[in-house]
Structures are given as C-alpha cells and as structure tokens.
C-alpha cells in the first residue's frame, strides 16, 4: 500500500495497567484503516502507569484514515475523547 508520508497520532486517556482493552482498540484501529485502504498501524506507546496511550498510524490519506477510525474510537468509552492529529 503506498503511503503518502503522513502520520496520524491517536492519544487516549486510559488509566489502567491492564492493557487488554488497549490491545483490542489497537487491533480494531488497524483493521478499520486497512479495510478502508487508508493506512495501517505503525506502533504504540503506553505510559508506565497506564494513564495514557498513543497509537501511531501511517496514512495513505490522512483525512480518509481519520474518518475510517472514528467509529472505532467512539465505540470504546475510554477512547471517545481521543485526540487525533495528523502530521507530514
């Protein structure tokens, strides 16, 4: 999949050291991005105390990727207020 060099960063407030729900979100974000042919997951970072997590996604089209992952973010209570930014 050609990537346009954009990156989309999703930051969520989490608040737990149990990363099960974060891994589920990560899998769903990647699946939604790939299904829309808009990008793919590139990695993540989680604070040691579990307070916050960041997901890094390569974008074929940043706008399309953000649109594709939005339903996933709102489907989880802890990610409904996620901060989503794109950068080149």
N, C-alpha and C. Protein backbone atom coordinates (compact mmCIF):
# COMPACT_ATOMS: atom_id res chain seq x y z
N UNK A 1 0.85 -1.17 0.00
CA UNK A 1 0.00 0.00 0.00
C UNK A 1 0.90 1.24 0.00
N UNK A 2 0.82 2.09 -1.00
CA UNK A 2 1.61 3.32 -0.98
C UNK A 2 1.14 4.23 0.13
N UNK A 3 2.08 4.76 0.86
CA UNK A 3 1.78 5.66 1.96
C UNK A 3 2.24 7.06 1.56
N UNK A 4 1.44 8.09 1.85
CA UNK A 4 1.77 9.45 1.40
C UNK A 4 2.75 10.18 2.32
N UNK A 5 3.25 9.53 3.35
CA UNK A 5 4.19 10.17 4.24
C UNK A 5 3.54 10.85 5.42
N UNK A 6 2.23 10.82 5.49
CA UNK A 6 1.54 11.40 6.63
C UNK A 6 1.46 10.38 7.76
N UNK A 7 1.37 10.92 8.95
CA UNK A 7 1.20 10.07 10.12
C UNK A 7 0.00 10.61 10.89
N UNK A 8 -0.80 9.71 11.39
CA UNK A 8 -1.92 10.06 12.25
C UNK A 8 -1.58 9.52 13.63
N UNK A 9 -1.70 10.40 14.62
CA UNK A 9 -1.41 10.02 16.01
C UNK A 9 -2.71 10.11 16.80
N UNK A 10 -3.04 9.02 17.48
CA UNK A 10 -4.23 8.94 18.32
C UNK A 10 -3.76 8.83 19.76
N UNK A 11 -4.19 9.75 20.61
CA UNK A 11 -3.81 9.74 22.02
C UNK A 11 -5.08 9.56 22.86
N UNK A 12 -5.06 8.53 23.72
CA UNK A 12 -6.21 8.27 24.58
C UNK A 12 -5.78 8.31 26.04
N UNK A 13 -6.69 8.76 26.88
CA UNK A 13 -6.51 8.67 28.33
C UNK A 13 -7.06 7.31 28.72
N UNK A 14 -6.23 6.53 29.42
CA UNK A 14 -6.62 5.14 29.68
C UNK A 14 -6.85 4.88 31.16
N UNK A 15 -5.81 4.92 31.97
CA UNK A 15 -6.00 4.80 33.41
C UNK A 15 -5.96 3.40 33.99
N UNK A 16 -5.28 2.48 33.32
CA UNK A 16 -5.18 1.12 33.86
C UNK A 16 -3.89 0.48 33.37
N UNK A 17 -3.34 -0.40 34.19
CA UNK A 17 -2.15 -1.15 33.77
C UNK A 17 -2.55 -2.43 33.03
N UNK A 18 -3.83 -2.77 33.04
CA UNK A 18 -4.33 -3.91 32.27
C UNK A 18 -4.50 -3.43 30.84
N UNK A 19 -3.65 -3.91 29.95
CA UNK A 19 -3.62 -3.40 28.58
C UNK A 19 -4.54 -4.15 27.62
N UNK A 20 -5.36 -5.04 28.12
CA UNK A 20 -6.23 -5.85 27.27
C UNK A 20 -7.09 -5.00 26.35
N UNK A 21 -7.76 -4.00 26.91
CA UNK A 21 -8.66 -3.16 26.10
C UNK A 21 -7.87 -2.30 25.12
N UNK A 22 -6.66 -1.89 25.50
CA UNK A 22 -5.82 -1.12 24.56
C UNK A 22 -5.41 -1.97 23.37
N UNK A 23 -5.06 -3.23 23.62
CA UNK A 23 -4.68 -4.11 22.51
C UNK A 23 -5.87 -4.36 21.59
N UNK A 24 -7.05 -4.47 22.17
CA UNK A 24 -8.26 -4.64 21.36
C UNK A 24 -8.48 -3.40 20.48
N UNK A 25 -8.35 -2.22 21.08
CA UNK A 25 -8.51 -0.98 20.32
C UNK A 25 -7.48 -0.91 19.20
N UNK A 26 -6.26 -1.24 19.51
CA UNK A 26 -5.18 -1.22 18.53
C UNK A 26 -5.52 -2.12 17.33
N UNK A 27 -5.96 -3.33 17.61
CA UNK A 27 -6.33 -4.26 16.54
C UNK A 27 -7.48 -3.71 15.70
N UNK A 28 -8.47 -3.10 16.35
CA UNK A 28 -9.62 -2.55 15.64
C UNK A 28 -9.24 -1.34 14.79
N UNK A 29 -8.35 -0.49 15.31
CA UNK A 29 -7.89 0.65 14.52
C UNK A 29 -7.17 0.20 13.27
N UNK A 30 -6.28 -0.78 13.42
CA UNK A 30 -5.54 -1.30 12.27
C UNK A 30 -6.50 -1.92 11.25
N UNK A 31 -7.45 -2.71 11.72
CA UNK A 31 -8.40 -3.37 10.81
C UNK A 31 -9.24 -2.33 10.06
N UNK A 32 -9.69 -1.29 10.75
CA UNK A 32 -10.51 -0.25 10.10
C UNK A 32 -9.68 0.50 9.06
N UNK A 33 -8.44 0.81 9.39
CA UNK A 33 -7.57 1.53 8.45
C UNK A 33 -7.32 0.70 7.20
N UNK A 34 -7.03 -0.57 7.40
CA UNK A 34 -6.75 -1.45 6.25
C UNK A 34 -8.00 -1.69 5.41
N UNK A 35 -9.14 -1.87 6.08
CA UNK A 35 -10.39 -2.11 5.35
C UNK A 35 -10.75 -0.93 4.46
N UNK A 36 -10.43 0.27 4.91
CA UNK A 36 -10.71 1.48 4.13
C UNK A 36 -9.59 1.79 3.14
N UNK A 37 -8.54 0.96 3.15
CA UNK A 37 -7.37 1.18 2.31
C UNK A 37 -6.81 2.59 2.52
N UNK A 38 -6.81 3.00 3.81
CA UNK A 38 -6.41 4.37 4.15
C UNK A 38 -5.08 4.44 4.88
N UNK A 39 -4.60 3.32 5.39
CA UNK A 39 -3.35 3.32 6.13
C UNK A 39 -3.20 2.07 6.96
N UNK A 40 -2.30 2.15 7.95
CA UNK A 40 -2.04 1.00 8.79
C UNK A 40 -1.40 1.45 10.10
N UNK A 41 -1.53 0.61 11.11
CA UNK A 41 -0.91 0.87 12.40
C UNK A 41 0.60 0.77 12.26
N UNK A 42 1.32 1.68 12.92
CA UNK A 42 2.77 1.70 12.84
C UNK A 42 3.44 1.49 14.19
N UNK A 43 2.69 1.58 15.28
CA UNK A 43 3.26 1.37 16.60
C UNK A 43 2.45 2.04 17.67
N UNK A 44 2.91 1.88 18.91
CA UNK A 44 2.21 2.48 20.03
C UNK A 44 3.18 2.79 21.16
N UNK A 45 2.70 3.60 22.08
CA UNK A 45 3.41 3.91 23.32
C UNK A 45 2.38 3.96 24.43
N UNK A 46 2.72 3.36 25.56
CA UNK A 46 1.82 3.38 26.71
C UNK A 46 2.62 3.87 27.91
N UNK A 47 2.07 4.83 28.65
CA UNK A 47 2.71 5.31 29.87
C UNK A 47 2.87 4.14 30.84
N UNK A 48 3.94 4.12 31.59
CA UNK A 48 4.20 3.03 32.53
C UNK A 48 3.06 2.80 33.51
N UNK A 49 2.38 3.88 33.91
CA UNK A 49 1.27 3.74 34.85
C UNK A 49 -0.07 3.48 34.14
N UNK A 50 -0.04 3.37 32.81
CA UNK A 50 -1.26 3.09 32.05
C UNK A 50 -2.19 4.28 31.90
N UNK A 51 -1.73 5.46 32.28
CA UNK A 51 -2.60 6.63 32.25
C UNK A 51 -2.94 7.10 30.84
N UNK A 52 -2.04 6.88 29.90
CA UNK A 52 -2.23 7.38 28.54
C UNK A 52 -1.57 6.44 27.55
N UNK A 53 -2.15 6.39 26.36
CA UNK A 53 -1.58 5.59 25.28
C UNK A 53 -1.63 6.38 23.98
N UNK A 54 -0.63 6.18 23.15
CA UNK A 54 -0.58 6.81 21.83
C UNK A 54 -0.44 5.72 20.78
N UNK A 55 -1.20 5.86 19.71
CA UNK A 55 -1.12 4.94 18.58
C UNK A 55 -0.64 5.74 17.38
N UNK A 56 0.34 5.21 16.69
CA UNK A 56 0.91 5.87 15.52
C UNK A 56 0.49 5.08 14.29
N UNK A 57 -0.06 5.82 13.30
CA UNK A 57 -0.58 5.17 12.10
C UNK A 57 -0.01 5.84 10.86
N UNK A 58 0.44 5.03 9.92
CA UNK A 58 0.87 5.54 8.62
C UNK A 58 -0.38 5.75 7.79
N UNK A 59 -0.42 6.88 7.10
CA UNK A 59 -1.62 7.21 6.34
C UNK A 59 -1.36 7.22 4.84
N UNK A 60 -2.22 6.54 4.12
CA UNK A 60 -2.25 6.68 2.67
C UNK A 60 -2.91 8.02 2.34
N UNK A 61 -3.93 8.32 3.11
CA UNK A 61 -4.67 9.59 3.02
C UNK A 61 -5.12 9.90 4.44
N UNK A 62 -4.54 10.92 5.06
CA UNK A 62 -4.80 11.20 6.47
C UNK A 62 -6.29 11.47 6.75
N UNK A 63 -6.94 12.23 5.90
CA UNK A 63 -8.36 12.53 6.10
C UNK A 63 -9.22 11.28 6.05
N UNK A 64 -8.94 10.42 5.09
CA UNK A 64 -9.68 9.17 4.96
C UNK A 64 -9.41 8.26 6.14
N UNK A 65 -8.16 8.22 6.59
CA UNK A 65 -7.81 7.38 7.73
C UNK A 65 -8.55 7.84 8.99
N UNK A 66 -8.56 9.12 9.23
CA UNK A 66 -9.26 9.65 10.41
C UNK A 66 -10.75 9.32 10.35
N UNK A 67 -11.33 9.47 9.18
CA UNK A 67 -12.75 9.13 9.01
C UNK A 67 -12.99 7.64 9.25
N UNK A 68 -12.07 6.80 8.80
CA UNK A 68 -12.23 5.35 8.94
C UNK A 68 -12.12 4.88 10.39
N UNK A 69 -11.25 5.53 11.18
CA UNK A 69 -11.05 5.07 12.55
C UNK A 69 -12.01 5.71 13.55
N UNK A 70 -12.68 6.77 13.16
CA UNK A 70 -13.59 7.47 14.08
C UNK A 70 -14.64 6.54 14.70
N UNK A 71 -15.34 5.70 13.93
CA UNK A 71 -16.33 4.81 14.56
C UNK A 71 -15.72 3.87 15.60
N UNK A 72 -14.49 3.45 15.37
CA UNK A 72 -13.81 2.58 16.34
C UNK A 72 -13.56 3.35 17.63
N UNK A 73 -13.08 4.57 17.51
CA UNK A 73 -12.77 5.36 18.70
C UNK A 73 -14.01 5.63 19.54
N UNK A 74 -15.13 5.93 18.91
CA UNK A 74 -16.34 6.23 19.68
C UNK A 74 -17.02 4.98 20.23
N UNK A 75 -16.60 3.81 19.77
CA UNK A 75 -17.21 2.57 20.26
C UNK A 75 -16.63 2.13 21.61
N UNK A 76 -15.55 2.73 22.04
CA UNK A 76 -14.94 2.40 23.33
C UNK A 76 -15.05 3.63 24.24
N UNK A 77 -15.54 3.43 25.44
CA UNK A 77 -15.75 4.55 26.35
C UNK A 77 -14.45 5.33 26.60
N UNK A 78 -13.34 4.65 26.78
CA UNK A 78 -12.09 5.33 27.12
C UNK A 78 -11.46 6.07 25.95
N UNK A 79 -11.91 5.81 24.72
CA UNK A 79 -11.30 6.49 23.57
C UNK A 79 -12.24 7.50 22.89
N UNK A 80 -13.40 7.71 23.45
CA UNK A 80 -14.35 8.66 22.84
C UNK A 80 -13.80 10.08 22.78
N UNK A 81 -12.98 10.45 23.74
CA UNK A 81 -12.42 11.80 23.74
C UNK A 81 -10.95 11.80 23.29
N UNK A 82 -10.61 10.83 22.47
CA UNK A 82 -9.23 10.74 21.97
C UNK A 82 -8.85 11.99 21.19
N UNK A 83 -7.57 12.36 21.29
CA UNK A 83 -7.03 13.44 20.47
C UNK A 83 -6.41 12.79 19.23
N UNK A 84 -6.84 13.26 18.08
CA UNK A 84 -6.35 12.71 16.81
C UNK A 84 -5.70 13.84 16.03
N UNK A 85 -4.44 13.64 15.67
CA UNK A 85 -3.69 14.65 14.92
C UNK A 85 -3.01 14.00 13.73
N UNK A 86 -2.88 14.76 12.66
CA UNK A 86 -2.11 14.26 11.52
C UNK A 86 -0.92 15.19 11.31
N UNK A 87 0.16 14.60 10.82
CA UNK A 87 1.34 15.37 10.53
C UNK A 87 2.09 14.71 9.38
N UNK A 88 2.80 15.54 8.65
CA UNK A 88 3.54 15.03 7.49
C UNK A 88 4.97 14.71 7.88
